[in-house]
Amino acid sequence: QESKDERPPTAAEKQALKLKKKLREIERIEEKLARNDKVDRMQLPKLERKREIEDELAQVQTVIDEEERQREQEKEQARLEAELEAQRLQQEADARAAAEADARRRQEEADAAAAESQRRAQEQAAYQERLQRQDMLLQQQRQQEEESRRQQQQQQPNQFLQQLNAPLPK
């Protein structure tokens, strides 16, 4: 609760202070009269205004009470607004965190897919390389076989000619 020391007094509070001061003066006059002390005649009309001042003080106090209720309502409204703002900020923070987590998850999925794609590409490249080596080896083997056949074919006519040129058995 905001104390009166933390804020300047309202006009109604100032008026109440003045009226209370007048009532204190009237009470002092009444006390003097009760003790049969001497009282200045100029002070006696104040006694007649006592009821009027009390009524005015009651009206001013009603205004003060209404002002206090209004301040309390404004404080409560400000507290509720601050609470709502805090909730809104928390919801925004939660939504940001969820969006960031979702973005991280999607990035991780994309990274995993890229890694899987790269792994498959490497496997495919290795497979293609093996196939090329096998083809190369087959070509080399065919070339060697072809070379071997040519050599045999070259040797066969020579053998045939040797057989033709060879003396006949007797």
N, C-alpha and C. Protein backbone atom coordinates (compact mmCIF):
# COMPACT_ATOMS: atom_id res chain seq x y z
N GLN A 1 0.83 -1.18 0.00
CA GLN A 1 0.00 0.00 0.00
C GLN A 1 0.88 1.24 0.00
N GLU A 2 0.53 2.18 -0.87
CA GLU A 2 1.30 3.41 -1.01
C GLU A 2 1.01 4.30 0.20
N SER A 3 2.06 4.67 0.92
CA SER A 3 1.82 5.53 2.08
C SER A 3 1.73 6.98 1.64
N LYS A 4 1.16 7.80 2.50
CA LYS A 4 0.99 9.22 2.16
C LYS A 4 2.33 9.94 2.08
N ASP A 5 3.38 9.35 2.71
CA ASP A 5 4.72 9.95 2.65
C ASP A 5 5.35 9.77 1.27
N GLU A 6 4.90 8.78 0.54
CA GLU A 6 5.50 8.48 -0.76
C GLU A 6 4.90 9.30 -1.89
N ARG A 7 3.81 10.01 -1.60
CA ARG A 7 3.15 10.82 -2.63
C ARG A 7 2.69 12.12 -1.98
N PRO A 8 2.54 13.16 -2.79
CA PRO A 8 2.05 14.40 -2.19
C PRO A 8 0.58 14.23 -1.77
N PRO A 9 0.16 14.94 -0.73
CA PRO A 9 -1.24 14.80 -0.29
C PRO A 9 -2.19 15.38 -1.34
N THR A 10 -3.34 14.76 -1.43
CA THR A 10 -4.36 15.26 -2.37
C THR A 10 -5.00 16.51 -1.77
N ALA A 11 -5.80 17.18 -2.58
CA ALA A 11 -6.49 18.39 -2.10
C ALA A 11 -7.43 18.02 -0.96
N ALA A 12 -8.10 16.88 -1.07
CA ALA A 12 -9.02 16.46 -0.01
C ALA A 12 -8.26 16.19 1.28
N GLU A 13 -7.08 15.57 1.18
CA GLU A 13 -6.28 15.29 2.38
C GLU A 13 -5.80 16.60 3.02
N LYS A 14 -5.42 17.57 2.20
CA LYS A 14 -5.02 18.87 2.74
C LYS A 14 -6.19 19.54 3.46
N GLN A 15 -7.37 19.46 2.83
CA GLN A 15 -8.58 20.05 3.43
C GLN A 15 -8.89 19.36 4.76
N ALA A 16 -8.73 18.03 4.80
CA ALA A 16 -9.00 17.30 6.06
C ALA A 16 -8.04 17.74 7.15
N LEU A 17 -6.76 17.95 6.78
CA LEU A 17 -5.80 18.42 7.78
C LEU A 17 -6.21 19.78 8.35
N LYS A 18 -6.68 20.69 7.49
CA LYS A 18 -7.12 22.02 7.95
C LYS A 18 -8.32 21.89 8.88
N LEU A 19 -9.27 21.04 8.50
CA LEU A 19 -10.48 20.88 9.32
C LEU A 19 -10.14 20.24 10.67
N LYS A 20 -9.23 19.29 10.68
CA LYS A 20 -8.82 18.64 11.95
C LYS A 20 -8.13 19.66 12.85
N LYS A 21 -7.35 20.55 12.23
CA LYS A 21 -6.68 21.60 13.02
C LYS A 21 -7.73 22.51 13.67
N LYS A 22 -8.77 22.88 12.90
CA LYS A 22 -9.84 23.72 13.45
C LYS A 22 -10.55 23.00 14.59
N LEU A 23 -10.78 21.70 14.42
CA LEU A 23 -11.45 20.94 15.48
C LEU A 23 -10.58 20.86 16.73
N ARG A 24 -9.26 20.74 16.56
CA ARG A 24 -8.35 20.73 17.73
C ARG A 24 -8.41 22.07 18.46
N GLU A 25 -8.48 23.15 17.69
CA GLU A 25 -8.60 24.48 18.31
C GLU A 25 -9.91 24.58 19.09
N ILE A 26 -10.99 24.07 18.52
CA ILE A 26 -12.30 24.10 19.19
C ILE A 26 -12.23 23.26 20.47
N GLU A 27 -11.58 22.11 20.42
CA GLU A 27 -11.46 21.26 21.61
C GLU A 27 -10.67 21.96 22.69
N ARG A 28 -9.62 22.69 22.31
CA ARG A 28 -8.84 23.44 23.31
C ARG A 28 -9.72 24.52 23.97
N ILE A 29 -10.53 25.17 23.16
CA ILE A 29 -11.44 26.21 23.70
C ILE A 29 -12.42 25.56 24.67
N GLU A 30 -12.99 24.40 24.26
CA GLU A 30 -13.95 23.70 25.11
C GLU A 30 -13.29 23.27 26.43
N GLU A 31 -12.04 22.83 26.35
CA GLU A 31 -11.32 22.41 27.56
C GLU A 31 -11.11 23.61 28.50
N LYS A 32 -10.77 24.75 27.91
CA LYS A 32 -10.58 25.95 28.74
C LYS A 32 -11.88 26.32 29.44
N LEU A 33 -12.98 26.24 28.68
CA LEU A 33 -14.28 26.57 29.26
C LEU A 33 -14.63 25.58 30.36
N ALA A 34 -14.33 24.29 30.16
CA ALA A 34 -14.63 23.27 31.16
C ALA A 34 -13.83 23.52 32.43
N ARG A 35 -12.62 24.08 32.30
CA ARG A 35 -11.78 24.36 33.47
C ARG A 35 -12.03 25.77 34.02
N ASN A 36 -12.97 26.46 33.39
CA ASN A 36 -13.29 27.83 33.76
C ASN A 36 -12.10 28.77 33.57
N ASP A 37 -11.27 28.46 32.56
CA ASP A 37 -10.15 29.34 32.21
C ASP A 37 -10.70 30.48 31.36
N LYS A 38 -9.93 31.54 31.29
CA LYS A 38 -10.31 32.69 30.49
C LYS A 38 -10.18 32.35 29.01
N VAL A 39 -11.22 32.69 28.18
CA VAL A 39 -11.24 32.43 26.74
C VAL A 39 -11.52 33.75 26.05
N ASP A 40 -10.76 34.01 24.99
CA ASP A 40 -10.96 35.23 24.19
C ASP A 40 -12.34 35.16 23.54
N ARG A 41 -13.11 36.29 23.63
CA ARG A 41 -14.45 36.32 23.07
C ARG A 41 -14.44 36.09 21.56
N MET A 42 -13.39 36.39 20.89
CA MET A 42 -13.28 36.23 19.44
C MET A 42 -13.23 34.73 19.07
N GLN A 43 -12.88 33.91 20.06
CA GLN A 43 -12.78 32.48 19.81
C GLN A 43 -14.14 31.78 19.97
N LEU A 44 -15.09 32.39 20.61
CA LEU A 44 -16.37 31.74 20.90
C LEU A 44 -17.17 31.39 19.64
N PRO A 45 -17.17 32.21 18.56
CA PRO A 45 -17.93 31.83 17.36
C PRO A 45 -17.44 30.50 16.75
N LYS A 46 -16.18 30.15 17.03
CA LYS A 46 -15.65 28.88 16.51
C LYS A 46 -16.42 27.70 17.08
N LEU A 47 -16.86 27.84 18.35
CA LEU A 47 -17.61 26.77 18.99
C LEU A 47 -18.92 26.48 18.25
N GLU A 48 -19.53 27.52 17.72
CA GLU A 48 -20.80 27.37 17.00
C GLU A 48 -20.61 26.64 15.67
N ARG A 49 -19.42 26.70 15.14
CA ARG A 49 -19.17 26.06 13.82
C ARG A 49 -18.70 24.61 13.96
N LYS A 50 -18.60 24.09 15.21
CA LYS A 50 -18.07 22.76 15.42
C LYS A 50 -18.84 21.70 14.61
N ARG A 51 -20.14 21.70 14.69
CA ARG A 51 -20.96 20.69 13.99
C ARG A 51 -20.76 20.82 12.47
N GLU A 52 -20.75 22.02 11.99
CA GLU A 52 -20.55 22.27 10.55
C GLU A 52 -19.19 21.74 10.09
N ILE A 53 -18.14 21.97 10.89
CA ILE A 53 -16.79 21.51 10.55
C ILE A 53 -16.73 19.98 10.59
N GLU A 54 -17.39 19.36 11.59
CA GLU A 54 -17.42 17.90 11.66
C GLU A 54 -18.12 17.30 10.44
N ASP A 55 -19.21 17.90 10.02
CA ASP A 55 -19.92 17.42 8.82
C ASP A 55 -19.05 17.57 7.57
N GLU A 56 -18.40 18.73 7.48
CA GLU A 56 -17.52 18.96 6.33
C GLU A 56 -16.36 17.95 6.33
N LEU A 57 -15.81 17.67 7.54
CA LEU A 57 -14.72 16.70 7.66
C LEU A 57 -15.20 15.30 7.22
N ALA A 58 -16.44 14.95 7.59
CA ALA A 58 -16.99 13.64 7.20
C ALA A 58 -17.12 13.57 5.67
N GLN A 59 -17.55 14.65 5.06
CA GLN A 59 -17.67 14.67 3.59
C GLN A 59 -16.29 14.54 2.94
N VAL A 60 -15.33 15.30 3.48
CA VAL A 60 -13.97 15.25 2.94
C VAL A 60 -13.39 13.85 3.13
N GLN A 61 -13.67 13.24 4.30
CA GLN A 61 -13.16 11.89 4.55
C GLN A 61 -13.77 10.90 3.54
N THR A 62 -15.02 11.09 3.16
CA THR A 62 -15.65 10.24 2.14
C THR A 62 -14.90 10.38 0.82
N VAL A 63 -14.53 11.61 0.48
CA VAL A 63 -13.76 11.86 -0.74
C VAL A 63 -12.39 11.17 -0.64
N ILE A 64 -11.75 11.29 0.52
CA ILE A 64 -10.43 10.67 0.73
C ILE A 64 -10.55 9.15 0.58
N ASP A 65 -11.59 8.59 1.19
CA ASP A 65 -11.79 7.13 1.11
C ASP A 65 -12.02 6.71 -0.35
N GLU A 66 -12.81 7.50 -1.08
CA GLU A 66 -13.06 7.17 -2.50
C GLU A 66 -11.77 7.27 -3.31
N GLU A 67 -10.97 8.31 -3.02
CA GLU A 67 -9.67 8.45 -3.71
C GLU A 67 -8.77 7.25 -3.41
N GLU A 68 -8.78 6.80 -2.15
CA GLU A 68 -7.96 5.65 -1.76
C GLU A 68 -8.46 4.39 -2.49
N ARG A 69 -9.79 4.20 -2.54
CA ARG A 69 -10.33 3.05 -3.29
C ARG A 69 -9.92 3.12 -4.76
N GLN A 70 -9.96 4.33 -5.32
CA GLN A 70 -9.58 4.52 -6.72
C GLN A 70 -8.10 4.17 -6.91
N ARG A 71 -7.26 4.64 -5.99
CA ARG A 71 -5.82 4.31 -6.08
C ARG A 71 -5.61 2.81 -5.98
N GLU A 72 -6.33 2.15 -5.06
CA GLU A 72 -6.20 0.70 -4.89
C GLU A 72 -6.65 -0.02 -6.16
N GLN A 73 -7.75 0.44 -6.76
CA GLN A 73 -8.22 -0.16 -8.02
C GLN A 73 -7.18 0.02 -9.11
N GLU A 74 -6.60 1.23 -9.18
CA GLU A 74 -5.58 1.48 -10.20
C GLU A 74 -4.35 0.61 -9.97
N LYS A 75 -3.97 0.45 -8.69
CA LYS A 75 -2.85 -0.43 -8.38
C LYS A 75 -3.15 -1.87 -8.77
N GLU A 76 -4.36 -2.31 -8.46
CA GLU A 76 -4.75 -3.69 -8.81
C GLU A 76 -4.80 -3.85 -10.32
N GLN A 77 -5.32 -2.85 -11.01
CA GLN A 77 -5.36 -2.89 -12.47
C GLN A 77 -3.94 -2.96 -13.05
N ALA A 78 -3.05 -2.14 -12.49
CA ALA A 78 -1.65 -2.15 -12.95
C ALA A 78 -1.01 -3.50 -12.66
N ARG A 79 -1.31 -4.08 -11.47
CA ARG A 79 -0.76 -5.40 -11.13
C ARG A 79 -1.26 -6.46 -12.11
N LEU A 80 -2.57 -6.41 -12.41
CA LEU A 80 -3.14 -7.38 -13.36
C LEU A 80 -2.54 -7.20 -14.75
N GLU A 81 -2.38 -5.96 -15.17
CA GLU A 81 -1.78 -5.70 -16.48
C GLU A 81 -0.34 -6.19 -16.52
N ALA A 82 0.38 -5.96 -15.42
CA ALA A 82 1.77 -6.44 -15.36
C ALA A 82 1.80 -7.97 -15.40
N GLU A 83 0.86 -8.59 -14.70
CA GLU A 83 0.78 -10.05 -14.70
C GLU A 83 0.47 -10.57 -16.10
N LEU A 84 -0.50 -9.93 -16.76
CA LEU A 84 -0.85 -10.32 -18.13
C LEU A 84 0.34 -10.12 -19.08
N GLU A 85 1.05 -9.03 -18.89
CA GLU A 85 2.23 -8.76 -19.73
C GLU A 85 3.30 -9.81 -19.49
N ALA A 86 3.48 -10.17 -18.22
CA ALA A 86 4.46 -11.22 -17.89
C ALA A 86 4.05 -12.55 -18.53
N GLN A 87 2.76 -12.86 -18.48
CA GLN A 87 2.28 -14.09 -19.12
C GLN A 87 2.49 -14.04 -20.63
N ARG A 88 2.18 -12.87 -21.22
CA ARG A 88 2.36 -12.72 -22.67
C ARG A 88 3.83 -12.90 -23.04
N LEU A 89 4.71 -12.27 -22.25
CA LEU A 89 6.14 -12.40 -22.53
C LEU A 89 6.61 -13.84 -22.36
N GLN A 90 6.05 -14.53 -21.34
CA GLN A 90 6.42 -15.93 -21.13
C GLN A 90 5.93 -16.79 -22.30
N GLN A 91 4.71 -16.51 -22.76
CA GLN A 91 4.18 -17.26 -23.90
C GLN A 91 5.04 -17.01 -25.14
N GLU A 92 5.44 -15.75 -25.34
CA GLU A 92 6.31 -15.44 -26.47
C GLU A 92 7.64 -16.18 -26.35
N ALA A 93 8.19 -16.18 -25.14
CA ALA A 93 9.46 -16.88 -24.91
C ALA A 93 9.29 -18.37 -25.15
N ASP A 94 8.17 -18.93 -24.66
CA ASP A 94 7.90 -20.36 -24.87
C ASP A 94 7.74 -20.66 -26.36
N ALA A 95 7.02 -19.78 -27.06
CA ALA A 95 6.82 -19.99 -28.50
C ALA A 95 8.15 -19.90 -29.24
N ARG A 96 8.99 -18.92 -28.84
CA ARG A 96 10.32 -18.79 -29.46
C ARG A 96 11.14 -20.04 -29.20
N ALA A 97 11.11 -20.51 -27.95
CA ALA A 97 11.89 -21.70 -27.60
C ALA A 97 11.39 -22.91 -28.39
N ALA A 98 10.07 -23.04 -28.52
CA ALA A 98 9.51 -24.15 -29.28
C ALA A 98 9.90 -24.04 -30.76
N ALA A 99 9.84 -22.83 -31.29
CA ALA A 99 10.22 -22.63 -32.69
C ALA A 99 11.71 -22.93 -32.90
N GLU A 100 12.53 -22.50 -31.95
CA GLU A 100 13.97 -22.78 -32.05
C GLU A 100 14.24 -24.27 -31.94
N ALA A 101 13.52 -24.94 -31.03
CA ALA A 101 13.69 -26.39 -30.89
C ALA A 101 13.24 -27.09 -32.17
N ASP A 102 12.13 -26.62 -32.74
CA ASP A 102 11.65 -27.21 -33.99
C ASP A 102 12.64 -26.97 -35.13
N ALA A 103 13.19 -25.76 -35.17
CA ALA A 103 14.19 -25.46 -36.21
C ALA A 103 15.43 -26.33 -36.03
N ARG A 104 15.86 -26.51 -34.76
CA ARG A 104 17.02 -27.38 -34.51
C ARG A 104 16.71 -28.82 -34.94
N ARG A 105 15.49 -29.29 -34.59
CA ARG A 105 15.11 -30.65 -34.97
C ARG A 105 15.10 -30.79 -36.49
N ARG A 106 14.52 -29.80 -37.18
CA ARG A 106 14.49 -29.87 -38.65
C ARG A 106 15.90 -29.83 -39.22
N GLN A 107 16.77 -28.99 -38.62
CA GLN A 107 18.16 -28.91 -39.09
C GLN A 107 18.88 -30.23 -38.85
N GLU A 108 18.63 -30.83 -37.68
CA GLU A 108 19.24 -32.13 -37.39
C GLU A 108 18.76 -33.18 -38.38
N GLU A 109 17.46 -33.16 -38.69
CA GLU A 109 16.91 -34.10 -39.67
C GLU A 109 17.54 -33.86 -41.04
N ALA A 110 17.66 -32.58 -41.41
CA ALA A 110 18.27 -32.26 -42.71
C ALA A 110 19.73 -32.69 -42.74
N ASP A 111 20.44 -32.46 -41.63
CA ASP A 111 21.85 -32.88 -41.55
C ASP A 111 21.96 -34.40 -41.64
N ALA A 112 21.04 -35.10 -40.95
CA ALA A 112 21.06 -36.56 -40.99
C ALA A 112 20.75 -37.05 -42.41
N ALA A 113 19.79 -36.42 -43.07
CA ALA A 113 19.45 -36.81 -44.44
C ALA A 113 20.63 -36.53 -45.37
N ALA A 114 21.29 -35.39 -45.17
CA ALA A 114 22.45 -35.07 -46.01
C ALA A 114 23.58 -36.07 -45.76
N ALA A 115 23.79 -36.43 -44.49
CA ALA A 115 24.83 -37.41 -44.17
C ALA A 115 24.49 -38.77 -44.79
N GLU A 116 23.22 -39.16 -44.72
CA GLU A 116 22.78 -40.43 -45.33
C GLU A 116 22.96 -40.38 -46.84
N SER A 117 22.61 -39.26 -47.43
CA SER A 117 22.76 -39.10 -48.87
C SER A 117 24.24 -39.18 -49.25
N GLN A 118 25.08 -38.52 -48.46
CA GLN A 118 26.53 -38.55 -48.73
C GLN A 118 27.07 -39.97 -48.58
N ARG A 119 26.59 -40.68 -47.53
CA ARG A 119 27.04 -42.06 -47.31
C ARG A 119 26.63 -42.93 -48.51
N ARG A 120 25.40 -42.77 -48.98
CA ARG A 120 24.93 -43.55 -50.14
C ARG A 120 25.74 -43.20 -51.38
N ALA A 121 26.03 -41.91 -51.53
CA ALA A 121 26.82 -41.50 -52.69
C ALA A 121 28.21 -42.12 -52.63
N GLN A 122 28.78 -42.16 -51.43
CA GLN A 122 30.11 -42.77 -51.29
C GLN A 122 30.04 -44.28 -51.58
N GLU A 123 28.97 -44.92 -51.07
CA GLU A 123 28.80 -46.35 -51.35
C GLU A 123 28.66 -46.58 -52.85
N GLN A 124 27.86 -45.72 -53.50
CA GLN A 124 27.64 -45.84 -54.95
C GLN A 124 28.96 -45.63 -55.68
N ALA A 125 29.73 -44.63 -55.24
CA ALA A 125 31.02 -44.36 -55.89
C ALA A 125 31.96 -45.56 -55.70
N ALA A 126 31.96 -46.12 -54.50
CA ALA A 126 32.82 -47.29 -54.25
C ALA A 126 32.37 -48.47 -55.10
N TYR A 127 31.06 -48.65 -55.23
CA TYR A 127 30.53 -49.74 -56.06
C TYR A 127 30.93 -49.54 -57.52
N GLN A 128 30.78 -48.29 -58.00
CA GLN A 128 31.16 -47.99 -59.39
C GLN A 128 32.66 -48.24 -59.60
N GLU A 129 33.44 -47.87 -58.62
CA GLU A 129 34.89 -48.08 -58.71
C GLU A 129 35.20 -49.57 -58.77
N ARG A 130 34.52 -50.38 -57.96
CA ARG A 130 34.73 -51.84 -58.01
C ARG A 130 34.34 -52.40 -59.38
N LEU A 131 33.20 -51.90 -59.89
CA LEU A 131 32.77 -52.37 -61.22
C LEU A 131 33.80 -52.00 -62.28
N GLN A 132 34.31 -50.77 -62.21
CA GLN A 132 35.31 -50.36 -63.19
C GLN A 132 36.57 -51.22 -63.08
N ARG A 133 37.00 -51.53 -61.85
CA ARG A 133 38.17 -52.39 -61.69
C ARG A 133 37.91 -53.79 -62.25
N GLN A 134 36.68 -54.28 -61.98
CA GLN A 134 36.35 -55.61 -62.52
C GLN A 134 36.35 -55.58 -64.05
N ASP A 135 35.76 -54.51 -64.62
CA ASP A 135 35.75 -54.38 -66.08
C ASP A 135 37.18 -54.30 -66.61
N MET A 136 38.01 -53.52 -65.93
CA MET A 136 39.39 -53.38 -66.36
C MET A 136 40.12 -54.73 -66.29
N LEU A 137 39.89 -55.44 -65.19
CA LEU A 137 40.53 -56.75 -65.06
C LEU A 137 40.03 -57.71 -66.14
N LEU A 138 38.72 -57.67 -66.42
CA LEU A 138 38.17 -58.53 -67.48
C LEU A 138 38.78 -58.16 -68.84
N GLN A 139 38.91 -56.85 -69.08
CA GLN A 139 39.52 -56.43 -70.35
C GLN A 139 40.97 -56.91 -70.43
N GLN A 140 41.69 -56.76 -69.31
CA GLN A 140 43.08 -57.23 -69.32
C GLN A 140 43.12 -58.74 -69.54
N GLN A 141 42.22 -59.45 -68.89
CA GLN A 141 42.19 -60.92 -69.07
C GLN A 141 41.86 -61.26 -70.51
N ARG A 142 40.89 -60.57 -71.12
CA ARG A 142 40.53 -60.83 -72.52
C ARG A 142 41.72 -60.52 -73.44
N GLN A 143 42.36 -59.37 -73.11
CA GLN A 143 43.53 -59.02 -73.94
C GLN A 143 44.61 -60.09 -73.82
N GLN A 144 44.82 -60.57 -72.62
CA GLN A 144 45.84 -61.62 -72.44
C GLN A 144 45.42 -62.89 -73.18
N GLU A 145 44.13 -63.23 -73.08
CA GLU A 145 43.65 -64.41 -73.79
C GLU A 145 43.79 -64.22 -75.29
N GLU A 146 43.43 -63.02 -75.75
CA GLU A 146 43.55 -62.72 -77.18
C GLU A 146 45.01 -62.81 -77.61
N GLU A 147 45.87 -62.23 -76.80
CA GLU A 147 47.31 -62.28 -77.10
C GLU A 147 47.79 -63.74 -77.10
N SER A 148 47.31 -64.49 -76.14
CA SER A 148 47.71 -65.89 -76.06
C SER A 148 47.21 -66.65 -77.30
N ARG A 149 46.00 -66.39 -77.75
CA ARG A 149 45.46 -67.05 -78.97
C ARG A 149 46.27 -66.66 -80.19
N ARG A 150 46.59 -65.38 -80.29
CA ARG A 150 47.39 -64.95 -81.44
C ARG A 150 48.73 -65.66 -81.45
N GLN A 151 49.32 -65.73 -80.29
CA GLN A 151 50.61 -66.43 -80.23
C GLN A 151 50.44 -67.89 -80.62
N GLN A 152 49.36 -68.51 -80.16
CA GLN A 152 49.13 -69.91 -80.52
C GLN A 152 48.88 -70.04 -82.02
N GLN A 153 48.11 -69.11 -82.57
CA GLN A 153 47.83 -69.16 -84.00
C GLN A 153 49.09 -68.96 -84.82
N GLN A 154 49.94 -68.08 -84.29
CA GLN A 154 51.19 -67.88 -85.02
C GLN A 154 52.07 -69.12 -84.92
N GLN A 155 52.01 -69.76 -83.81
CA GLN A 155 52.83 -70.96 -83.63
C GLN A 155 52.24 -72.12 -84.41
N GLN A 156 50.96 -72.20 -84.56
CA GLN A 156 50.35 -73.32 -85.29
C GLN A 156 50.76 -73.34 -86.75
N PRO A 157 50.72 -72.26 -87.50
CA PRO A 157 51.19 -72.36 -88.88
C PRO A 157 52.66 -72.75 -88.93
N ASN A 158 53.39 -72.24 -88.00
CA ASN A 158 54.81 -72.62 -87.98
C ASN A 158 54.96 -74.11 -87.74
N GLN A 159 54.19 -74.66 -86.87
CA GLN A 159 54.25 -76.10 -86.61
C GLN A 159 53.79 -76.87 -87.83
N PHE A 160 52.73 -76.34 -88.48
CA PHE A 160 52.23 -77.02 -89.67
C PHE A 160 53.28 -77.00 -90.77
N LEU A 161 53.90 -75.86 -90.92
CA LEU A 161 54.96 -75.77 -91.91
C LEU A 161 56.13 -76.67 -91.52
N GLN A 162 56.44 -76.72 -90.31
CA GLN A 162 57.52 -77.60 -89.86
C GLN A 162 57.15 -79.06 -90.15
N GLN A 163 55.91 -79.36 -89.94
CA GLN A 163 55.48 -80.73 -90.22
C GLN A 163 55.54 -80.99 -91.72
N LEU A 164 55.19 -80.01 -92.50
CA LEU A 164 55.26 -80.18 -93.96
C LEU A 164 56.72 -80.29 -94.42
N ASN A 165 57.52 -79.55 -93.84
CA ASN A 165 58.93 -79.54 -94.23
C ASN A 165 59.70 -80.69 -93.58
N ALA A 166 59.13 -81.29 -92.67
CA ALA A 166 59.83 -82.36 -91.99
C ALA A 166 59.93 -83.57 -92.89
N PRO A 167 61.00 -84.28 -92.79
CA PRO A 167 61.13 -85.49 -93.61
C PRO A 167 60.07 -86.51 -93.24
N LEU A 168 59.71 -87.26 -94.20
CA LEU A 168 58.71 -88.27 -94.01
C LEU A 168 59.30 -89.45 -93.28
N PRO A 169 58.56 -90.04 -92.45
CA PRO A 169 59.12 -91.19 -91.74
C PRO A 169 59.29 -92.37 -92.71
N LYS A 170 60.23 -93.02 -92.50
CA LYS A 170 60.58 -94.11 -93.38
C LYS A 170 60.09 -95.38 -92.87
